[in-house]
C-alpha cells in the first residue's frame, strides 16, 4: 500500500476535513486556536503539504465538535467503488 499524501484517497480525506470545518462554521484561524497551533499548520494540512496522523485527526474532530466515527463513515462512502448503475450518494 502506498504511503503518500498524494494518493487520491488522501485528497478525498483532506476534502472531507475542509468540508467538515466549513460546515461547522469554523475558520482556519479559529481551528488553529482550538488546536493550539497556527493557521499555517491548518492550511498545510488541508492542502496536503503536511500529513495528519490519527491522534491529530481525533483532536481535529474534537475541536470541530464532530464525531470521528461519523466522519469516517461518511468518508468511507467516497472510498467504496461505484457499482454499475448505482450513484455514489
N, C-alpha and C. Protein backbone atom coordinates (compact mmCIF):
# COMPACT_ATOMS: atom_id res chain seq x y z
N UNK A 1 0.84 -1.17 0.00
CA UNK A 1 0.00 0.00 0.00
C UNK A 1 0.89 1.24 0.00
N UNK A 2 0.54 2.15 -0.86
CA UNK A 2 1.31 3.38 -0.99
C UNK A 2 1.05 4.31 0.20
N UNK A 3 2.12 4.81 0.82
CA UNK A 3 2.01 5.75 1.94
C UNK A 3 2.43 7.11 1.43
N UNK A 4 1.46 7.87 0.97
CA UNK A 4 1.78 9.15 0.38
C UNK A 4 0.64 10.12 0.60
N UNK A 5 0.99 11.38 0.66
CA UNK A 5 -0.04 12.41 0.78
C UNK A 5 -0.59 12.77 -0.59
N UNK A 6 -0.07 12.10 -1.63
CA UNK A 6 -0.53 12.44 -2.97
C UNK A 6 -1.51 11.42 -3.54
N UNK A 7 -1.97 10.48 -2.74
CA UNK A 7 -2.93 9.50 -3.24
C UNK A 7 -4.31 10.13 -3.39
N UNK A 8 -5.10 9.54 -4.26
CA UNK A 8 -6.47 10.00 -4.46
C UNK A 8 -7.26 9.93 -3.15
N UNK A 9 -7.06 8.84 -2.42
CA UNK A 9 -7.79 8.65 -1.17
C UNK A 9 -7.44 9.73 -0.13
N UNK A 10 -6.16 10.09 -0.08
CA UNK A 10 -5.76 11.13 0.89
C UNK A 10 -6.34 12.48 0.50
N UNK A 11 -6.40 12.75 -0.80
CA UNK A 11 -7.02 14.01 -1.26
C UNK A 11 -8.51 14.04 -0.89
N UNK A 12 -9.17 12.90 -0.99
CA UNK A 12 -10.59 12.83 -0.59
C UNK A 12 -10.71 13.09 0.91
N UNK A 13 -9.82 12.47 1.70
CA UNK A 13 -9.80 12.68 3.15
C UNK A 13 -9.65 14.17 3.47
N UNK A 14 -8.72 14.83 2.80
CA UNK A 14 -8.48 16.26 3.06
C UNK A 14 -9.69 17.10 2.67
N UNK A 15 -10.34 16.75 1.57
CA UNK A 15 -11.54 17.48 1.17
C UNK A 15 -12.63 17.34 2.22
N UNK A 16 -12.76 16.14 2.79
CA UNK A 16 -13.75 15.93 3.85
C UNK A 16 -13.39 16.74 5.10
N UNK A 17 -12.11 16.81 5.44
CA UNK A 17 -11.70 17.61 6.60
C UNK A 17 -12.07 19.08 6.42
N UNK A 18 -11.74 19.60 5.25
CA UNK A 18 -12.05 21.01 4.97
C UNK A 18 -13.56 21.25 4.99
N UNK A 19 -14.30 20.35 4.36
CA UNK A 19 -15.76 20.47 4.33
C UNK A 19 -16.34 20.41 5.74
N UNK A 20 -15.80 19.56 6.59
CA UNK A 20 -16.28 19.46 7.98
C UNK A 20 -16.02 20.76 8.73
N UNK A 21 -14.84 21.33 8.51
CA UNK A 21 -14.51 22.61 9.17
C UNK A 21 -15.46 23.70 8.70
N UNK A 22 -15.66 23.79 7.40
CA UNK A 22 -16.54 24.81 6.85
C UNK A 22 -17.98 24.61 7.29
N UNK A 23 -18.43 23.36 7.33
CA UNK A 23 -19.81 23.06 7.77
C UNK A 23 -20.01 23.45 9.23
N UNK A 24 -18.95 23.36 10.01
CA UNK A 24 -19.02 23.76 11.43
C UNK A 24 -18.94 25.27 11.58
N UNK A 25 -18.71 25.98 10.48
CA UNK A 25 -18.63 27.44 10.53
C UNK A 25 -17.36 27.93 11.21
N UNK A 26 -16.28 27.16 11.08
CA UNK A 26 -15.03 27.47 11.76
C UNK A 26 -13.98 27.86 10.73
N UNK A 27 -13.30 28.96 10.95
CA UNK A 27 -12.23 29.38 10.06
C UNK A 27 -10.96 28.61 10.41
N UNK A 28 -9.98 28.70 9.52
CA UNK A 28 -8.69 28.09 9.80
C UNK A 28 -8.07 28.70 11.05
N UNK A 29 -8.21 30.00 11.20
CA UNK A 29 -7.65 30.70 12.37
C UNK A 29 -8.32 30.20 13.65
N UNK A 30 -9.64 30.06 13.62
CA UNK A 30 -10.36 29.57 14.80
C UNK A 30 -9.96 28.14 15.14
N UNK A 31 -9.87 27.30 14.12
CA UNK A 31 -9.47 25.91 14.36
C UNK A 31 -8.06 25.85 14.93
N UNK A 32 -7.18 26.65 14.38
CA UNK A 32 -5.81 26.70 14.89
C UNK A 32 -5.80 27.07 16.37
N UNK A 33 -6.60 28.04 16.75
CA UNK A 33 -6.68 28.42 18.16
C UNK A 33 -7.18 27.29 19.03
N UNK A 34 -8.17 26.57 18.55
CA UNK A 34 -8.72 25.45 19.31
C UNK A 34 -7.70 24.32 19.46
N UNK A 35 -6.85 24.17 18.45
CA UNK A 35 -5.83 23.12 18.48
C UNK A 35 -4.51 23.60 19.07
N UNK A 36 -4.49 24.87 19.46
CA UNK A 36 -3.26 25.49 20.00
C UNK A 36 -2.11 25.33 19.01
N UNK A 37 -2.42 25.67 17.77
CA UNK A 37 -1.42 25.62 16.71
C UNK A 37 -1.59 26.88 15.86
N UNK A 38 -1.00 26.89 14.68
CA UNK A 38 -1.06 28.08 13.83
C UNK A 38 -2.00 27.86 12.65
N UNK A 39 -2.43 28.96 12.06
CA UNK A 39 -3.25 28.89 10.85
C UNK A 39 -2.44 28.25 9.73
N UNK A 40 -1.15 28.49 9.72
CA UNK A 40 -0.27 27.90 8.70
C UNK A 40 -0.30 26.38 8.79
N UNK A 41 -0.29 25.84 10.01
CA UNK A 41 -0.38 24.40 10.21
C UNK A 41 -1.67 23.86 9.61
N UNK A 42 -2.80 24.51 9.91
CA UNK A 42 -4.10 24.07 9.39
C UNK A 42 -4.10 24.12 7.87
N UNK A 43 -3.60 25.21 7.31
CA UNK A 43 -3.55 25.36 5.87
C UNK A 43 -2.70 24.28 5.22
N UNK A 44 -1.54 24.01 5.78
CA UNK A 44 -0.66 22.97 5.22
C UNK A 44 -1.32 21.60 5.29
N UNK A 45 -2.03 21.33 6.37
CA UNK A 45 -2.74 20.05 6.48
C UNK A 45 -3.83 19.95 5.43
N UNK A 46 -4.63 21.00 5.29
CA UNK A 46 -5.74 20.97 4.34
C UNK A 46 -5.26 20.90 2.89
N UNK A 47 -4.09 21.46 2.60
CA UNK A 47 -3.53 21.42 1.25
C UNK A 47 -2.75 20.14 0.98
N UNK A 48 -2.52 19.35 2.01
CA UNK A 48 -1.79 18.10 1.83
C UNK A 48 -0.29 18.24 1.89
N UNK A 49 0.19 19.38 2.35
CA UNK A 49 1.63 19.58 2.50
C UNK A 49 2.15 18.92 3.77
N UNK A 50 1.25 18.66 4.69
CA UNK A 50 1.62 18.01 5.95
C UNK A 50 0.61 16.92 6.23
N UNK A 51 1.09 15.72 6.46
CA UNK A 51 0.22 14.57 6.72
C UNK A 51 -0.30 14.63 8.16
N UNK A 52 -1.56 14.30 8.32
CA UNK A 52 -2.19 14.29 9.65
C UNK A 52 -2.17 12.86 10.17
N UNK A 53 -1.69 12.67 11.40
CA UNK A 53 -1.72 11.33 11.98
C UNK A 53 -3.05 11.11 12.70
N UNK A 54 -3.24 9.91 13.19
CA UNK A 54 -4.52 9.53 13.81
C UNK A 54 -4.85 10.41 15.02
N UNK A 55 -3.88 10.64 15.87
CA UNK A 55 -4.13 11.44 17.08
C UNK A 55 -4.50 12.87 16.70
N UNK A 56 -3.79 13.44 15.73
CA UNK A 56 -4.12 14.78 15.26
C UNK A 56 -5.53 14.81 14.68
N UNK A 57 -5.90 13.77 13.93
CA UNK A 57 -7.24 13.68 13.37
C UNK A 57 -8.30 13.68 14.47
N UNK A 58 -8.06 12.92 15.53
CA UNK A 58 -9.02 12.88 16.64
C UNK A 58 -9.15 14.24 17.32
N UNK A 59 -8.03 14.93 17.49
CA UNK A 59 -8.07 16.28 18.07
C UNK A 59 -8.80 17.25 17.14
N UNK A 60 -8.56 17.11 15.85
CA UNK A 60 -9.20 17.96 14.84
C UNK A 60 -10.72 17.79 14.94
N UNK A 61 -11.19 16.54 14.98
CA UNK A 61 -12.64 16.27 15.09
C UNK A 61 -13.21 16.85 16.37
N UNK A 62 -12.51 16.65 17.48
CA UNK A 62 -12.98 17.18 18.77
C UNK A 62 -13.06 18.70 18.72
N UNK A 63 -12.08 19.33 18.10
CA UNK A 63 -12.07 20.80 18.01
C UNK A 63 -13.22 21.32 17.17
N UNK A 64 -13.68 20.50 16.23
CA UNK A 64 -14.82 20.90 15.40
C UNK A 64 -16.15 20.46 15.99
N UNK A 65 -16.10 19.67 17.06
CA UNK A 65 -17.33 19.19 17.68
C UNK A 65 -18.02 18.13 16.85
N UNK A 66 -17.22 17.34 16.12
CA UNK A 66 -17.81 16.28 15.30
C UNK A 66 -17.31 14.92 15.77
N UNK A 67 -18.08 13.91 15.49
CA UNK A 67 -17.72 12.54 15.85
C UNK A 67 -16.73 12.00 14.82
N UNK A 68 -15.62 11.49 15.30
CA UNK A 68 -14.64 10.89 14.39
C UNK A 68 -15.24 9.69 13.67
N UNK A 69 -16.03 8.91 14.37
CA UNK A 69 -16.63 7.73 13.74
C UNK A 69 -17.63 8.12 12.65
N UNK A 70 -18.43 9.16 12.88
CA UNK A 70 -19.36 9.62 11.86
C UNK A 70 -18.60 10.19 10.66
N UNK A 71 -17.53 10.92 10.94
CA UNK A 71 -16.70 11.46 9.87
C UNK A 71 -16.18 10.31 9.00
N UNK A 72 -15.65 9.27 9.65
CA UNK A 72 -15.07 8.15 8.91
C UNK A 72 -16.13 7.36 8.14
N UNK A 73 -17.33 7.24 8.70
CA UNK A 73 -18.39 6.55 7.97
C UNK A 73 -18.73 7.30 6.69
N UNK A 74 -18.80 8.63 6.78
CA UNK A 74 -19.07 9.45 5.61
C UNK A 74 -17.93 9.35 4.61
N UNK A 75 -16.70 9.38 5.08
CA UNK A 75 -15.53 9.26 4.23
C UNK A 75 -15.52 7.91 3.52
N UNK A 76 -15.89 6.88 4.24
CA UNK A 76 -15.88 5.53 3.68
C UNK A 76 -16.80 5.42 2.46
N UNK A 77 -17.88 6.17 2.45
CA UNK A 77 -18.80 6.15 1.31
C UNK A 77 -18.09 6.60 0.03
N UNK A 78 -17.18 7.56 0.15
CA UNK A 78 -16.44 8.03 -1.02
C UNK A 78 -15.33 7.08 -1.43
N UNK A 79 -14.95 6.16 -0.55
CA UNK A 79 -13.89 5.20 -0.87
C UNK A 79 -14.44 3.94 -1.53
N UNK A 80 -15.72 3.69 -1.38
CA UNK A 80 -16.31 2.47 -1.95
C UNK A 80 -16.38 2.62 -3.47
N UNK A 81 -16.01 1.58 -4.17
CA UNK A 81 -16.08 1.66 -5.64
C UNK A 81 -17.52 1.79 -6.11
N UNK A 82 -17.68 2.57 -7.14
CA UNK A 82 -19.02 2.74 -7.71
C UNK A 82 -19.45 1.44 -8.39
N UNK A 83 -20.71 1.11 -8.19
CA UNK A 83 -21.26 -0.08 -8.85
C UNK A 83 -21.99 0.39 -10.09
N UNK A 84 -21.94 -0.42 -11.10
CA UNK A 84 -22.60 -0.07 -12.35
C UNK A 84 -24.08 0.19 -12.12
N UNK A 85 -24.54 1.35 -12.59
CA UNK A 85 -25.94 1.68 -12.49
C UNK A 85 -26.35 2.28 -11.15
N UNK A 86 -25.39 2.43 -10.22
CA UNK A 86 -25.69 2.98 -8.90
C UNK A 86 -24.89 4.26 -8.71
N UNK A 87 -25.54 5.28 -8.21
CA UNK A 87 -24.82 6.50 -7.92
C UNK A 87 -24.15 6.38 -6.56
N UNK A 88 -23.16 7.27 -6.33
CA UNK A 88 -22.39 7.23 -5.08
C UNK A 88 -23.23 7.68 -3.90
N UNK A 89 -24.08 8.66 -4.09
CA UNK A 89 -24.85 9.19 -2.96
C UNK A 89 -26.30 9.30 -3.31
